[in-house]
Amino acid sequence: MASGDSILSPAAAAAAQPVRYCTMFPTIALFQKDDDIAAFTIPTGTILSIVGPARDTRFMVVEISMQRFQVFRADLSDRCIAHT
């Protein structure tokens, strides 16, 4: 099995709890609508859920308050902590 393959069935994966993080520092996120991209700051203490990888491997797609954004992978590991 490749390192990125899931060992869960699709139904079990859908039922699994999302991976969530809490920002420890203000963190930059990108929002794209049509052909426009906007950057903004996610405040300290914000809870975000990982949706999955973005097309650009430097980013992860996250969800905050039912909206999806892109966050640098490095910022998730350097500026956020796991949230249960």
Protein backbone atom coordinates (compact mmCIF):
# COMPACT_ATOMS: atom_id res chain seq x y z
CA MET A 1 0.00 0.00 0.00
CA ALA A 2 1.36 3.44 -0.92
CA SER A 3 1.96 5.86 1.94
CA GLY A 4 -0.95 8.13 0.91
CA ASP A 5 -3.52 5.33 0.51
CA SER A 6 -6.29 5.13 3.08
CA ILE A 7 -6.86 1.90 4.98
CA LEU A 8 -10.49 2.90 5.62
CA SER A 9 -13.40 2.04 3.38
CA PRO A 10 -15.04 5.06 1.69
CA ALA A 11 -18.00 4.82 4.11
CA ALA A 12 -15.72 4.65 7.16
CA ALA A 13 -13.57 7.49 5.88
CA ALA A 14 -16.67 9.66 5.39
CA ALA A 15 -17.79 8.90 8.95
CA ALA A 16 -14.34 9.59 10.46
CA GLN A 17 -13.81 12.80 12.38
CA PRO A 18 -12.05 15.50 10.37
CA VAL A 19 -8.54 16.52 11.37
CA ARG A 20 -8.80 19.87 13.10
CA TYR A 21 -6.23 22.49 14.04
CA CYS A 22 -6.27 25.63 16.16
CA THR A 23 -4.15 28.58 15.04
CA MET A 24 -1.54 29.64 17.62
CA PHE A 25 -0.54 32.73 15.62
CA PRO A 26 -2.23 34.79 12.89
CA THR A 27 -1.99 32.68 9.72
CA ILE A 28 -2.34 33.58 6.04
CA ALA A 29 -5.04 31.87 3.97
CA LEU A 30 -5.99 32.19 0.31
CA PHE A 31 -9.50 32.36 -1.07
CA GLN A 32 -10.21 31.87 -4.76
CA LYS A 33 -13.36 32.90 -6.58
CA ASP A 34 -13.45 32.63 -10.36
CA ASP A 35 -10.01 33.88 -11.47
CA ASP A 36 -9.40 36.14 -8.48
CA ILE A 37 -7.30 35.15 -5.47
CA ALA A 38 -7.42 37.05 -2.19
CA ALA A 39 -5.17 36.60 0.85
CA PHE A 40 -6.36 37.29 4.36
CA THR A 41 -5.30 36.62 7.93
CA ILE A 42 -6.86 33.87 10.02
CA PRO A 43 -6.92 35.15 13.62
CA THR A 44 -5.23 33.38 16.53
CA GLY A 45 -7.51 30.80 18.13
CA THR A 46 -9.45 29.93 14.97
CA ILE A 47 -10.43 26.27 14.59
CA LEU A 48 -10.02 24.89 11.07
CA SER A 49 -10.71 21.46 9.58
CA ILE A 50 -8.52 19.81 6.97
CA VAL A 51 -10.46 18.99 3.80
CA GLY A 52 -7.55 17.63 1.77
CA PRO A 53 -4.59 18.55 -0.41
CA ALA A 54 -4.83 21.40 -2.91
CA ARG A 55 -3.74 21.13 -6.54
CA ASP A 56 -0.60 23.05 -5.62
CA THR A 57 1.30 20.75 -3.24
CA ARG A 58 2.42 23.67 -1.07
CA PHE A 59 -1.15 24.09 0.23
CA MET A 60 -3.88 22.21 2.07
CA VAL A 61 -7.57 22.96 1.65
CA VAL A 62 -9.16 23.83 4.99
CA GLU A 63 -12.66 24.69 6.08
CA ILE A 64 -13.51 27.50 8.46
CA SER A 65 -17.16 28.26 9.24
CA MET A 66 -18.30 26.20 6.23
CA GLN A 67 -16.05 28.10 3.78
CA ARG A 68 -13.02 26.57 2.07
CA PHE A 69 -9.61 28.19 1.87
CA GLN A 70 -6.03 27.23 1.09
CA VAL A 71 -3.34 27.38 3.78
CA PHE A 72 0.36 26.69 3.37
CA ARG A 73 1.24 23.20 4.64
CA ALA A 74 4.23 24.67 6.48
CA ASP A 75 1.96 27.11 8.33
CA LEU A 76 -0.22 24.25 9.55
CA SER A 77 2.78 22.56 11.16
CA ASP A 78 4.50 25.76 12.35
CA ARG A 79 1.60 28.00 13.37
CA CYS A 80 -1.15 25.58 14.42
CA ILE A 81 -1.70 22.82 16.96
CA ALA A 82 -3.94 19.76 16.75
CA HIS A 83 -7.41 20.37 18.15
CA THR A 84 -9.66 17.64 19.54
